[in-house]
Amino acid sequence: MTERSLPSGEEAQAMIAEARKALWVMVGFLALIWIVQIFNWAADYRLSFDFGIESRNVGSLPEIFTAPFLHGSWGHIEGNSGPLFIFGFLAAYRGVRKFFAVTALIIVGSGLGVWFIAGENTVTVGASGVVLGYFGYIIVRGLFDRRPIDIVIGLVMALCFAYQFAALLPAEEGISWQGHLFGFAAGVIGGWVFRERRRKQVEPAPAGPTITLDPPTP
């Protein structure tokens, strides 16, 4: 069987174009959460309580989609911004459309994990669940897509940011390990669900022998 793919030059150009889009998407993402943080700070962090995830409160389920854009302090958003940009860019540079789908899966997975098992009477906000989701996604993406460069990137990120694995376990009070754990799991699942499915073409069967007839003898 054979596989058809873009010529190496065209593939490189397409990847560079997607990387540019990924860069601007992450710049926009960071700009958005910092703008929201300014308004949240000005409102004495009232937005965090109004639009954060309240565990096991059915009326709070829609806040799964707003909580990642809110933070509880300047230190909170500063701690998330660097890893969010790095992991988000690496998750998006192969394709922005796929990145948005992966992000939606991570937000839902992380948010539901918080909603189901976070402590009683708690409100959870922050992008760290999304950060851990991107982390999980880029670690496994290369394995599922069978791309050597992405395998290397995943290995390097896992080694350089190994401390992120500690965030998956119960730690100090006030840290949402539930969002981290379920976000990471959703990222790994996203690597499988949105893996590249390469089309295979069946080679045409070899032509049979050609019979040549001699012209009749006059």
N, C-alpha and C. Protein backbone atom coordinates (compact mmCIF):
# COMPACT_ATOMS: atom_id res chain seq x y z
N MET A 1 0.84 -1.19 0.00
CA MET A 1 0.00 0.00 0.00
C MET A 1 0.87 1.24 0.00
N THR A 2 0.34 2.32 -0.54
CA THR A 2 1.10 3.57 -0.60
C THR A 2 0.32 4.69 0.07
N GLU A 3 1.03 5.72 0.54
CA GLU A 3 0.41 6.89 1.16
C GLU A 3 0.80 8.12 0.37
N ARG A 4 -0.13 8.99 0.18
CA ARG A 4 0.14 10.24 -0.52
C ARG A 4 0.31 11.35 0.50
N SER A 5 1.29 12.18 0.34
CA SER A 5 1.53 13.29 1.26
C SER A 5 2.05 14.48 0.48
N LEU A 6 2.01 15.62 1.11
CA LEU A 6 2.53 16.82 0.46
C LEU A 6 4.03 16.70 0.25
N PRO A 7 4.55 17.28 -0.82
CA PRO A 7 6.00 17.37 -0.96
C PRO A 7 6.58 18.08 0.25
N SER A 8 7.83 17.75 0.59
CA SER A 8 8.43 18.28 1.81
C SER A 8 8.41 19.80 1.85
N GLY A 9 8.66 20.47 0.71
CA GLY A 9 8.65 21.93 0.67
C GLY A 9 7.29 22.50 0.99
N GLU A 10 6.25 21.93 0.40
CA GLU A 10 4.89 22.41 0.63
C GLU A 10 4.46 22.13 2.07
N GLU A 11 4.86 20.98 2.60
CA GLU A 11 4.50 20.65 3.98
C GLU A 11 5.16 21.63 4.95
N ALA A 12 6.41 21.98 4.69
CA ALA A 12 7.11 22.93 5.56
C ALA A 12 6.44 24.30 5.53
N GLN A 13 6.05 24.75 4.33
CA GLN A 13 5.39 26.04 4.20
C GLN A 13 4.04 26.04 4.92
N ALA A 14 3.30 24.94 4.78
CA ALA A 14 2.01 24.84 5.47
C ALA A 14 2.19 24.87 6.98
N MET A 15 3.23 24.19 7.47
CA MET A 15 3.48 24.16 8.91
C MET A 15 3.88 25.54 9.43
N ILE A 16 4.69 26.26 8.66
CA ILE A 16 5.09 27.61 9.06
C ILE A 16 3.87 28.54 9.11
N ALA A 17 2.98 28.40 8.12
CA ALA A 17 1.77 29.22 8.10
C ALA A 17 0.90 28.93 9.33
N GLU A 18 0.75 27.64 9.70
CA GLU A 18 -0.03 27.29 10.87
C GLU A 18 0.65 27.77 12.15
N ALA A 19 1.99 27.73 12.16
CA ALA A 19 2.72 28.21 13.34
C ALA A 19 2.49 29.70 13.55
N ARG A 20 2.43 30.47 12.47
CA ARG A 20 2.13 31.90 12.59
C ARG A 20 0.75 32.10 13.18
N LYS A 21 -0.22 31.34 12.68
CA LYS A 21 -1.58 31.44 13.22
C LYS A 21 -1.59 31.07 14.71
N ALA A 22 -0.87 30.01 15.04
CA ALA A 22 -0.81 29.56 16.44
C ALA A 22 -0.24 30.65 17.33
N LEU A 23 0.80 31.32 16.85
CA LEU A 23 1.41 32.39 17.64
C LEU A 23 0.40 33.48 17.96
N TRP A 24 -0.34 33.92 16.94
CA TRP A 24 -1.30 35.00 17.15
C TRP A 24 -2.50 34.55 17.98
N VAL A 25 -2.89 33.29 17.82
CA VAL A 25 -3.98 32.76 18.64
C VAL A 25 -3.60 32.81 20.11
N MET A 26 -2.37 32.41 20.43
CA MET A 26 -1.95 32.40 21.83
C MET A 26 -1.73 33.82 22.36
N VAL A 27 -1.24 34.72 21.52
CA VAL A 27 -1.12 36.12 21.94
C VAL A 27 -2.51 36.67 22.27
N GLY A 28 -3.48 36.36 21.41
CA GLY A 28 -4.85 36.80 21.66
C GLY A 28 -5.44 36.17 22.91
N PHE A 29 -5.16 34.89 23.12
CA PHE A 29 -5.66 34.19 24.31
C PHE A 29 -5.12 34.85 25.58
N LEU A 30 -3.81 35.10 25.61
CA LEU A 30 -3.21 35.73 26.78
C LEU A 30 -3.74 37.15 26.98
N ALA A 31 -3.88 37.89 25.89
CA ALA A 31 -4.41 39.26 25.99
C ALA A 31 -5.81 39.23 26.60
N LEU A 32 -6.62 38.27 26.17
CA LEU A 32 -7.99 38.17 26.67
C LEU A 32 -8.03 37.90 28.17
N ILE A 33 -7.25 36.90 28.63
CA ILE A 33 -7.33 36.59 30.06
C ILE A 33 -6.74 37.71 30.93
N TRP A 34 -5.78 38.47 30.39
CA TRP A 34 -5.25 39.60 31.16
C TRP A 34 -6.23 40.76 31.21
N ILE A 35 -6.96 40.98 30.12
CA ILE A 35 -8.00 42.01 30.12
C ILE A 35 -9.10 41.64 31.12
N VAL A 36 -9.51 40.35 31.09
CA VAL A 36 -10.51 39.89 32.05
C VAL A 36 -10.00 40.05 33.47
N GLN A 37 -8.71 39.78 33.69
CA GLN A 37 -8.13 39.92 35.02
C GLN A 37 -8.20 41.36 35.52
N ILE A 38 -7.98 42.32 34.64
CA ILE A 38 -8.06 43.74 35.04
C ILE A 38 -9.46 44.07 35.53
N PHE A 39 -10.48 43.63 34.77
CA PHE A 39 -11.86 43.89 35.18
C PHE A 39 -12.19 43.13 36.46
N ASN A 40 -11.69 41.90 36.57
CA ASN A 40 -11.96 41.11 37.77
C ASN A 40 -11.33 41.75 39.00
N TRP A 41 -10.11 42.21 38.87
CA TRP A 41 -9.43 42.90 39.96
C TRP A 41 -10.18 44.18 40.35
N ALA A 42 -10.63 44.94 39.33
CA ALA A 42 -11.35 46.18 39.60
C ALA A 42 -12.68 45.91 40.32
N ALA A 43 -13.25 44.71 40.08
CA ALA A 43 -14.51 44.34 40.73
C ALA A 43 -14.28 43.58 42.02
N ASP A 44 -13.05 43.66 42.56
CA ASP A 44 -12.69 42.98 43.81
C ASP A 44 -12.90 41.46 43.68
N TYR A 45 -12.60 40.94 42.48
CA TYR A 45 -12.66 39.51 42.17
C TYR A 45 -14.06 38.93 42.32
N ARG A 46 -15.04 39.80 42.13
CA ARG A 46 -16.42 39.34 42.16
C ARG A 46 -16.72 38.40 40.98
N LEU A 47 -16.07 38.65 39.84
CA LEU A 47 -16.31 37.81 38.66
C LEU A 47 -15.91 36.36 38.92
N SER A 48 -14.87 36.17 39.72
CA SER A 48 -14.44 34.80 40.02
C SER A 48 -15.52 34.03 40.75
N PHE A 49 -16.22 34.70 41.66
CA PHE A 49 -17.28 34.04 42.41
C PHE A 49 -18.54 33.87 41.55
N ASP A 50 -18.79 34.82 40.67
CA ASP A 50 -20.00 34.76 39.84
C ASP A 50 -19.88 33.78 38.68
N PHE A 51 -18.67 33.63 38.13
CA PHE A 51 -18.48 32.83 36.92
C PHE A 51 -17.48 31.69 37.11
N GLY A 52 -17.14 31.38 38.37
CA GLY A 52 -16.31 30.21 38.64
C GLY A 52 -17.17 28.97 38.80
N ILE A 53 -16.53 27.81 38.86
CA ILE A 53 -17.24 26.53 38.96
C ILE A 53 -17.51 26.22 40.43
N GLU A 54 -18.78 26.14 40.77
CA GLU A 54 -19.17 25.74 42.12
C GLU A 54 -19.49 24.25 42.10
N SER A 55 -18.75 23.50 42.87
CA SER A 55 -18.85 22.03 42.81
C SER A 55 -20.27 21.54 43.09
N ARG A 56 -20.71 20.63 42.18
CA ARG A 56 -21.99 19.92 42.30
C ARG A 56 -23.22 20.84 42.36
N ASN A 57 -23.06 22.04 41.89
CA ASN A 57 -24.20 22.95 41.75
C ASN A 57 -24.62 22.92 40.28
N VAL A 58 -25.78 22.37 40.00
CA VAL A 58 -26.22 22.20 38.61
C VAL A 58 -26.26 23.55 37.89
N GLY A 59 -26.66 24.60 38.61
CA GLY A 59 -26.72 25.91 37.99
C GLY A 59 -25.35 26.46 37.61
N SER A 60 -24.29 25.85 38.13
CA SER A 60 -22.93 26.32 37.85
C SER A 60 -22.28 25.59 36.67
N LEU A 61 -22.97 24.64 36.06
CA LEU A 61 -22.37 23.90 34.95
C LEU A 61 -21.92 24.80 33.79
N PRO A 62 -22.68 25.84 33.41
CA PRO A 62 -22.21 26.70 32.32
C PRO A 62 -20.88 27.40 32.63
N GLU A 63 -20.57 27.54 33.93
CA GLU A 63 -19.32 28.21 34.30
C GLU A 63 -18.09 27.38 33.97
N ILE A 64 -18.29 26.14 33.55
CA ILE A 64 -17.17 25.32 33.05
C ILE A 64 -16.45 26.07 31.93
N PHE A 65 -17.21 26.84 31.15
CA PHE A 65 -16.64 27.51 29.99
C PHE A 65 -16.11 28.90 30.29
N THR A 66 -16.42 29.44 31.45
CA THR A 66 -15.93 30.78 31.81
C THR A 66 -14.80 30.74 32.83
N ALA A 67 -14.77 29.71 33.66
CA ALA A 67 -13.77 29.63 34.73
C ALA A 67 -12.32 29.69 34.23
N PRO A 68 -11.97 29.07 33.08
CA PRO A 68 -10.57 29.12 32.65
C PRO A 68 -10.07 30.52 32.31
N PHE A 69 -10.97 31.45 32.09
CA PHE A 69 -10.56 32.81 31.72
C PHE A 69 -10.43 33.73 32.94
N LEU A 70 -10.70 33.19 34.12
CA LEU A 70 -10.68 33.98 35.35
C LEU A 70 -9.57 33.48 36.28
N HIS A 71 -9.04 34.39 37.08
CA HIS A 71 -7.99 34.03 38.04
C HIS A 71 -8.26 34.73 39.37
N GLY A 72 -7.67 34.16 40.43
CA GLY A 72 -7.95 34.67 41.76
C GLY A 72 -7.00 35.73 42.27
N SER A 73 -5.91 35.98 41.54
CA SER A 73 -4.94 36.98 41.96
C SER A 73 -3.97 37.26 40.81
N TRP A 74 -3.16 38.30 40.98
CA TRP A 74 -2.15 38.59 39.96
C TRP A 74 -1.10 37.49 39.91
N GLY A 75 -0.73 36.95 41.07
CA GLY A 75 0.23 35.86 41.09
C GLY A 75 -0.30 34.62 40.40
N HIS A 76 -1.61 34.39 40.52
CA HIS A 76 -2.24 33.24 39.89
C HIS A 76 -2.12 33.33 38.36
N ILE A 77 -2.47 34.46 37.80
CA ILE A 77 -2.43 34.61 36.34
C ILE A 77 -0.99 34.66 35.83
N GLU A 78 -0.09 35.24 36.60
CA GLU A 78 1.32 35.27 36.18
C GLU A 78 1.90 33.86 36.13
N GLY A 79 1.54 33.02 37.11
CA GLY A 79 2.05 31.65 37.13
C GLY A 79 1.53 30.81 35.99
N ASN A 80 0.32 31.11 35.51
CA ASN A 80 -0.26 30.33 34.42
C ASN A 80 0.16 30.82 33.03
N SER A 81 0.48 32.08 32.90
CA SER A 81 0.66 32.68 31.58
C SER A 81 1.81 32.07 30.78
N GLY A 82 2.97 31.88 31.43
CA GLY A 82 4.12 31.33 30.71
C GLY A 82 3.87 29.93 30.17
N PRO A 83 3.52 28.96 31.04
CA PRO A 83 3.23 27.62 30.55
C PRO A 83 2.07 27.58 29.56
N LEU A 84 1.05 28.43 29.77
CA LEU A 84 -0.08 28.47 28.85
C LEU A 84 0.37 28.84 27.45
N PHE A 85 1.23 29.84 27.36
CA PHE A 85 1.70 30.27 26.03
C PHE A 85 2.56 29.18 25.38
N ILE A 86 3.49 28.62 26.13
CA ILE A 86 4.41 27.62 25.56
C ILE A 86 3.65 26.37 25.13
N PHE A 87 2.89 25.80 26.04
CA PHE A 87 2.17 24.56 25.73
C PHE A 87 1.08 24.81 24.68
N GLY A 88 0.40 25.95 24.79
CA GLY A 88 -0.65 26.26 23.83
C GLY A 88 -0.10 26.41 22.42
N PHE A 89 1.03 27.09 22.29
CA PHE A 89 1.63 27.25 20.96
C PHE A 89 2.03 25.89 20.38
N LEU A 90 2.66 25.06 21.19
CA LEU A 90 3.08 23.75 20.71
C LEU A 90 1.89 22.86 20.37
N ALA A 91 0.78 23.05 21.08
CA ALA A 91 -0.42 22.29 20.77
C ALA A 91 -1.09 22.77 19.49
N ALA A 92 -0.88 24.04 19.14
CA ALA A 92 -1.60 24.64 18.01
C ALA A 92 -0.81 24.68 16.72
N TYR A 93 0.49 24.52 16.77
CA TYR A 93 1.29 24.79 15.56
C TYR A 93 1.07 23.78 14.44
N ARG A 94 0.48 22.63 14.76
CA ARG A 94 0.16 21.65 13.72
C ARG A 94 -1.18 21.93 13.05
N GLY A 95 -1.96 22.81 13.60
CA GLY A 95 -3.26 23.11 13.02
C GLY A 95 -4.16 23.80 14.02
N VAL A 96 -4.56 25.03 13.70
CA VAL A 96 -5.34 25.82 14.64
C VAL A 96 -6.75 25.27 14.81
N ARG A 97 -7.34 24.77 13.74
CA ARG A 97 -8.71 24.23 13.85
C ARG A 97 -8.73 23.03 14.79
N LYS A 98 -7.77 22.14 14.64
CA LYS A 98 -7.69 21.00 15.55
C LYS A 98 -7.43 21.47 16.98
N PHE A 99 -6.62 22.51 17.11
CA PHE A 99 -6.30 23.06 18.43
C PHE A 99 -7.54 23.54 19.15
N PHE A 100 -8.45 24.21 18.44
CA PHE A 100 -9.68 24.68 19.08
C PHE A 100 -10.53 23.50 19.55
N ALA A 101 -10.57 22.42 18.77
CA ALA A 101 -11.32 21.24 19.17
C ALA A 101 -10.70 20.59 20.40
N VAL A 102 -9.37 20.49 20.42
CA VAL A 102 -8.67 19.94 21.58
C VAL A 102 -8.91 20.80 22.81
N THR A 103 -8.88 22.12 22.63
CA THR A 103 -9.11 23.04 23.74
C THR A 103 -10.50 22.86 24.33
N ALA A 104 -11.51 22.72 23.46
CA ALA A 104 -12.88 22.52 23.95
C ALA A 104 -12.98 21.24 24.76
N LEU A 105 -12.34 20.16 24.27
CA LEU A 105 -12.37 18.90 25.01
C LEU A 105 -11.70 19.04 26.37
N ILE A 106 -10.57 19.75 26.42
CA ILE A 106 -9.85 19.93 27.68
C ILE A 106 -10.67 20.76 28.66
N ILE A 107 -11.26 21.84 28.17
CA ILE A 107 -12.06 22.70 29.05
C ILE A 107 -13.22 21.91 29.66
N VAL A 108 -13.91 21.12 28.83
CA VAL A 108 -15.04 20.33 29.33
C VAL A 108 -14.56 19.26 30.30
N GLY A 109 -13.49 18.54 29.94
CA GLY A 109 -13.00 17.48 30.80
C GLY A 109 -12.51 18.00 32.14
N SER A 110 -11.71 19.07 32.10
CA SER A 110 -11.19 19.65 33.33
C SER A 110 -12.32 20.22 34.18
N GLY A 111 -13.25 20.93 33.54
CA GLY A 111 -14.35 21.55 34.27
C GLY A 111 -15.27 20.54 34.92
N LEU A 112 -15.59 19.47 34.22
CA LEU A 112 -16.45 18.44 34.80
C LEU A 112 -15.77 17.74 35.97
N GLY A 113 -14.45 17.53 35.83
CA GLY A 113 -13.72 16.93 36.94
C GLY A 113 -13.81 17.78 38.19
N VAL A 114 -13.65 19.08 38.02
CA VAL A 114 -13.77 20.01 39.15
C VAL A 114 -15.19 19.98 39.70
N TRP A 115 -16.16 20.03 38.81
CA TRP A 115 -17.56 20.10 39.24
C TRP A 115 -17.96 18.86 40.04
N PHE A 116 -17.46 17.69 39.63
CA PHE A 116 -17.85 16.45 40.29
C PHE A 116 -17.14 16.22 41.62
N ILE A 117 -15.82 16.50 41.71
CA ILE A 117 -15.09 16.02 42.88
C ILE A 117 -14.36 17.11 43.67
N ALA A 118 -14.51 18.37 43.30
CA ALA A 118 -13.91 19.43 44.12
C ALA A 118 -14.59 19.48 45.48
N GLY A 119 -13.92 20.11 46.44
CA GLY A 119 -14.45 20.17 47.79
C GLY A 119 -15.79 20.87 47.87
N GLU A 120 -16.53 20.56 48.92
CA GLU A 120 -17.86 21.15 49.13
C GLU A 120 -17.74 22.67 49.32
N ASN A 121 -18.69 23.40 48.73
CA ASN A 121 -18.76 24.86 48.87
C ASN A 121 -17.48 25.56 48.40
N THR A 122 -16.93 25.07 47.29
CA THR A 122 -15.74 25.70 46.72
C THR A 122 -16.07 26.27 45.35
N VAL A 123 -15.37 27.32 44.98
CA VAL A 123 -15.48 27.92 43.65
C VAL A 123 -14.09 27.87 43.03
N THR A 124 -14.00 27.32 41.82
CA THR A 124 -12.72 27.11 41.16
C THR A 124 -12.61 27.94 39.90
N VAL A 125 -11.50 28.64 39.74
CA VAL A 125 -11.22 29.41 38.53
C VAL A 125 -9.76 29.19 38.14
N GLY A 126 -9.43 29.56 36.91
CA GLY A 126 -8.03 29.51 36.48
C GLY A 126 -7.83 28.66 35.24
N ALA A 127 -6.75 28.96 34.53
CA ALA A 127 -6.43 28.26 33.28
C ALA A 127 -5.49 27.08 33.49
N SER A 128 -5.17 26.74 34.73
CA SER A 128 -4.17 25.69 34.94
C SER A 128 -4.65 24.33 34.46
N GLY A 129 -5.95 24.06 34.51
CA GLY A 129 -6.46 22.81 33.96
C GLY A 129 -6.23 22.73 32.47
N VAL A 130 -6.38 23.86 31.78
CA VAL A 130 -6.11 23.91 30.35
C VAL A 130 -4.60 23.75 30.09
N VAL A 131 -3.78 24.37 30.93
CA VAL A 131 -2.33 24.24 30.80
C VAL A 131 -1.92 22.77 30.89
N LEU A 132 -2.41 22.06 31.90
CA LEU A 132 -2.07 20.64 32.05
C LEU A 132 -2.65 19.81 30.92
N GLY A 133 -3.79 20.24 30.37
CA GLY A 133 -4.36 19.54 29.22
C GLY A 133 -3.47 19.65 28.00
N TYR A 134 -3.00 20.85 27.72
CA TYR A 134 -2.07 21.02 26.60
C TYR A 134 -0.79 20.22 26.84
N PHE A 135 -0.34 20.20 28.08
CA PHE A 135 0.87 19.45 28.44
C PHE A 135 0.70 17.97 28.10
N GLY A 136 -0.43 17.39 28.53
CA GLY A 136 -0.69 15.99 28.21
C GLY A 136 -0.81 15.75 26.72
N TYR A 137 -1.44 16.69 26.03
CA TYR A 137 -1.65 16.54 24.59
C TYR A 137 -0.34 16.50 23.82
N ILE A 138 0.57 17.44 24.12
CA ILE A 138 1.81 17.49 23.33
C ILE A 138 2.75 16.34 23.70
N ILE A 139 2.59 15.76 24.88
CA ILE A 139 3.43 14.61 25.25
C ILE A 139 3.06 13.39 24.40
N VAL A 140 1.76 13.18 24.16
CA VAL A 140 1.33 11.95 23.47
C VAL A 140 1.07 12.14 21.99
N ARG A 141 0.93 13.38 21.52
CA ARG A 141 0.54 13.61 20.12
C ARG A 141 1.47 12.92 19.14
N GLY A 142 2.77 13.06 19.36
CA GLY A 142 3.73 12.46 18.44
C GLY A 142 3.61 10.95 18.36
N LEU A 143 3.29 10.31 19.49
CA LEU A 143 3.14 8.86 19.50
C LEU A 143 1.92 8.44 18.67
N PHE A 144 0.83 9.17 18.82
CA PHE A 144 -0.39 8.82 18.10
C PHE A 144 -0.30 9.19 16.61
N ASP A 145 0.37 10.31 16.31
CA ASP A 145 0.50 10.74 14.91
C ASP A 145 1.68 10.09 14.20
N ARG A 146 2.55 9.47 14.97
CA ARG A 146 3.76 8.82 14.44
C ARG A 146 4.64 9.81 13.70
N ARG A 147 4.82 10.97 14.32
CA ARG A 147 5.70 11.99 13.77
C ARG A 147 6.92 12.12 14.68
N PRO A 148 8.10 11.81 14.19
CA PRO A 148 9.31 11.85 15.03
C PRO A 148 9.55 13.20 15.69
N ILE A 149 9.33 14.30 14.97
CA ILE A 149 9.61 15.63 15.54
C ILE A 149 8.69 15.90 16.73
N ASP A 150 7.44 15.47 16.64
CA ASP A 150 6.51 15.69 17.76
C ASP A 150 6.79 14.75 18.93
N ILE A 151 7.32 13.57 18.63
CA ILE A 151 7.75 12.67 19.71
C ILE A 151 8.88 13.32 20.49
N VAL A 152 9.83 13.91 19.77
CA VAL A 152 10.96 14.59 20.42
C VAL A 152 10.47 15.78 21.24
N ILE A 153 9.57 16.58 20.67
CA ILE A 153 9.03 17.73 21.38
C ILE A 153 8.33 17.29 22.67
N GLY A 154 7.53 16.23 22.57
CA GLY A 154 6.83 15.72 23.76
C GLY A 154 7.80 15.25 24.83
N LEU A 155 8.86 14.56 24.41
CA LEU A 155 9.84 14.07 25.37
C LEU A 155 10.57 15.23 26.04
N VAL A 156 10.97 16.23 25.24
CA VAL A 156 11.67 17.39 25.79
C VAL A 156 10.78 18.15 26.77
N MET A 157 9.53 18.35 26.42
CA MET A 157 8.62 19.06 27.31
C MET A 157 8.39 18.28 28.61
N ALA A 158 8.26 16.95 28.49
CA ALA A 158 8.05 16.14 29.68
C ALA A 158 9.25 16.22 30.62
N LEU A 159 10.46 16.28 30.05
CA LEU A 159 11.66 16.36 30.89
C LEU A 159 11.86 17.76 31.46
N CYS A 160 11.67 18.78 30.60
CA CYS A 160 11.92 20.15 31.05
C CYS A 160 10.87 20.64 32.04
N PHE A 161 9.66 20.14 31.92
CA PHE A 161 8.57 20.60 32.79
C PHE A 161 8.05 19.44 33.64
N ALA A 162 8.96 18.57 34.07
CA ALA A 162 8.56 17.40 34.86
C ALA A 162 7.85 17.81 36.14
N TYR A 163 8.15 19.02 36.65
CA TYR A 163 7.50 19.47 37.88
C TYR A 163 5.99 19.60 37.71
N GLN A 164 5.53 19.71 36.47
CA GLN A 164 4.09 19.82 36.24
C GLN A 164 3.35 18.56 36.67
N PHE A 165 4.04 17.42 36.66
CA PHE A 165 3.36 16.18 37.07
C PHE A 165 2.95 16.23 38.54
N ALA A 166 3.67 16.99 39.34
CA ALA A 166 3.31 17.11 40.76
C ALA A 166 1.95 17.77 40.93
N ALA A 167 1.54 18.59 39.94
CA ALA A 167 0.26 19.28 40.03
C ALA A 167 -0.92 18.33 39.84
N LEU A 168 -0.65 17.08 39.44
CA LEU A 168 -1.73 16.13 39.21
C LEU A 168 -2.16 15.43 40.49
N LEU A 169 -1.43 15.65 41.58
CA LEU A 169 -1.72 14.98 42.84
C LEU A 169 -2.24 15.97 43.87
N PRO A 170 -3.04 15.49 44.83
CA PRO A 170 -3.50 16.39 45.90
C PRO A 170 -2.33 17.05 46.59
N ALA A 171 -2.39 18.35 46.71
CA ALA A 171 -1.28 19.09 47.31
C ALA A 171 -1.83 20.06 48.34
N GLU A 172 -1.27 21.25 48.35
CA GLU A 172 -1.70 22.22 49.35
C GLU A 172 -3.14 22.67 49.12
N GLU A 173 -3.76 23.09 50.18
CA GLU A 173 -5.15 23.53 50.11
C GLU A 173 -5.27 24.76 49.23
N GLY A 174 -6.32 24.81 48.43
CA GLY A 174 -6.54 25.95 47.55
C GLY A 174 -6.06 25.73 46.14
N ILE A 175 -5.39 24.58 45.88
CA ILE A 175 -4.92 24.24 44.54
C ILE A 175 -5.83 23.17 43.97
N SER A 176 -6.37 23.42 42.77
CA SER A 176 -7.33 22.50 42.18
C SER A 176 -6.62 21.37 41.45
N TRP A 177 -6.18 20.37 42.21
CA TRP A 177 -5.55 19.22 41.56
C TRP A 177 -6.57 18.45 40.71
N GLN A 178 -7.87 18.58 41.06
CA GLN A 178 -8.90 17.90 40.27
C GLN A 178 -8.91 18.43 38.84
N GLY A 179 -8.88 19.76 38.71
CA GLY A 179 -8.85 20.35 37.36
C GLY A 179 -7.59 19.98 36.62
N HIS A 180 -6.46 19.92 37.34
CA HIS A 180 -5.19 19.55 36.71
C HIS A 180 -5.24 18.11 36.19
N LEU A 181 -5.70 17.21 37.04
CA LEU A 181 -5.71 15.79 36.69
C LEU A 181 -6.65 15.52 35.52
N PHE A 182 -7.87 16.04 35.61
CA PHE A 182 -8.84 15.78 34.55
C PHE A 182 -8.48 16.54 33.27
N GLY A 183 -7.86 17.71 33.39
CA GLY A 183 -7.39 18.41 32.21
C GLY A 183 -6.30 17.64 31.50
N PHE A 184 -5.35 17.11 32.28
CA PHE A 184 -4.27 16.30 31.70
C PHE A 184 -4.84 15.07 30.99
N ALA A 185 -5.78 14.38 31.66
CA ALA A 185 -6.40 13.20 31.05
C ALA A 185 -7.13 13.56 29.76
N ALA A 186 -7.83 14.70 29.76
CA ALA A 186 -8.54 15.13 28.56
C ALA A 186 -7.56 15.43 27.43
N GLY A 187 -6.39 16.00 27.77
CA GLY A 187 -5.38 16.26 26.74
C GLY A 187 -4.86 14.98 26.13
N VAL A 188 -4.62 13.96 26.95
CA VAL A 188 -4.16 12.67 26.44
C VAL A 188 -5.23 12.05 25.54
N ILE A 189 -6.48 12.11 25.98
CA ILE A 189 -7.59 11.59 25.17
C ILE A 189 -7.68 12.37 23.85
N GLY A 190 -7.47 13.70 23.93
CA GLY A 190 -7.51 14.52 22.72
C GLY A 190 -6.43 14.11 21.73
N GLY A 191 -5.26 13.71 22.23
CA GLY A 191 -4.21 13.23 21.33
C GLY A 191 -4.65 12.03 20.54
N TRP A 192 -5.45 11.16 21.18
CA TRP A 192 -5.94 9.97 20.49
C TRP A 192 -7.12 10.30 19.56
N VAL A 193 -8.08 11.06 20.08
CA VAL A 193 -9.28 11.36 19.30
C VAL A 193 -8.94 12.15 18.03
N PHE A 194 -8.02 13.12 18.16
CA PHE A 194 -7.71 14.00 17.03
C PHE A 194 -6.40 13.63 16.35
N ARG A 195 -6.00 12.37 16.47
CA ARG A 195 -4.79 11.91 15.79
C ARG A 195 -4.96 11.98 14.28
N GLU A 196 -3.87 12.04 13.57
CA GLU A 196 -3.92 12.09 12.12
C GLU A 196 -4.27 10.70 11.59
N ARG A 197 -5.27 10.68 10.76
CA ARG A 197 -5.67 9.44 10.11
C ARG A 197 -5.26 9.52 8.65
N ARG A 198 -4.19 8.87 8.36
CA ARG A 198 -3.63 8.96 7.00
C ARG A 198 -4.36 8.01 6.07
N ARG A 199 -4.76 8.55 4.94
CA ARG A 199 -5.48 7.73 3.96
C ARG A 199 -4.49 6.83 3.23
N LYS A 200 -4.89 5.61 3.08
CA LYS A 200 -4.06 4.66 2.36
C LYS A 200 -4.75 4.28 1.05
N GLN A 201 -3.96 4.21 0.02
CA GLN A 201 -4.50 3.85 -1.29
C GLN A 201 -3.97 2.48 -1.68
N VAL A 202 -4.86 1.67 -2.21
CA VAL A 202 -4.47 0.34 -2.66
C VAL A 202 -3.77 0.46 -3.99
N GLU A 203 -2.61 -0.17 -4.10
CA GLU A 203 -1.88 -0.12 -5.35
C GLU A 203 -2.67 -0.87 -6.42
N PRO A 204 -2.71 -0.33 -7.63
CA PRO A 204 -3.42 -1.04 -8.70
C PRO A 204 -2.76 -2.39 -8.97
N ALA A 205 -3.60 -3.35 -9.26
CA ALA A 205 -3.07 -4.69 -9.55
C ALA A 205 -2.22 -4.63 -10.80
N PRO A 206 -1.12 -5.38 -10.82
CA PRO A 206 -0.27 -5.37 -12.02
C PRO A 206 -1.02 -5.89 -13.23
N ALA A 207 -0.77 -5.24 -14.33
CA ALA A 207 -1.44 -5.64 -15.57
C ALA A 207 -1.02 -7.04 -15.97
N GLY A 208 -1.93 -7.79 -16.54
CA GLY A 208 -1.62 -9.14 -16.99
C GLY A 208 -0.74 -9.12 -18.23
N PRO A 209 -0.26 -10.24 -18.62
CA PRO A 209 0.62 -10.31 -19.81
C PRO A 209 -0.12 -9.86 -21.06
N THR A 210 0.59 -9.17 -21.91
CA THR A 210 0.02 -8.68 -23.16
C THR A 210 0.32 -9.68 -24.26
N ILE A 211 -0.72 -10.04 -24.95
CA ILE A 211 -0.56 -11.02 -26.04
C ILE A 211 -0.47 -10.26 -27.35
N THR A 212 0.59 -10.49 -28.09
CA THR A 212 0.78 -9.86 -29.38
C THR A 212 0.64 -10.90 -30.48
N LEU A 213 -0.20 -10.61 -31.42
CA LEU A 213 -0.42 -11.54 -32.53
C LEU A 213 0.40 -11.14 -33.74
N ASP A 214 1.05 -12.06 -34.33
CA ASP A 214 1.76 -11.77 -35.57
C ASP A 214 0.76 -11.50 -36.68
N PRO A 215 1.06 -10.54 -37.52
CA PRO A 215 0.14 -10.30 -38.65
C PRO A 215 0.08 -11.52 -39.54
N PRO A 216 -1.06 -11.72 -40.17
CA PRO A 216 -1.20 -12.90 -41.03
C PRO A 216 -0.23 -12.85 -42.21
N THR A 217 0.24 -13.99 -42.57
CA THR A 217 1.18 -14.07 -43.73
C THR A 217 0.39 -14.02 -45.01
N PRO A 218 0.77 -13.08 -45.91
CA PRO A 218 0.00 -12.99 -47.15
C PRO A 218 0.14 -14.25 -48.00
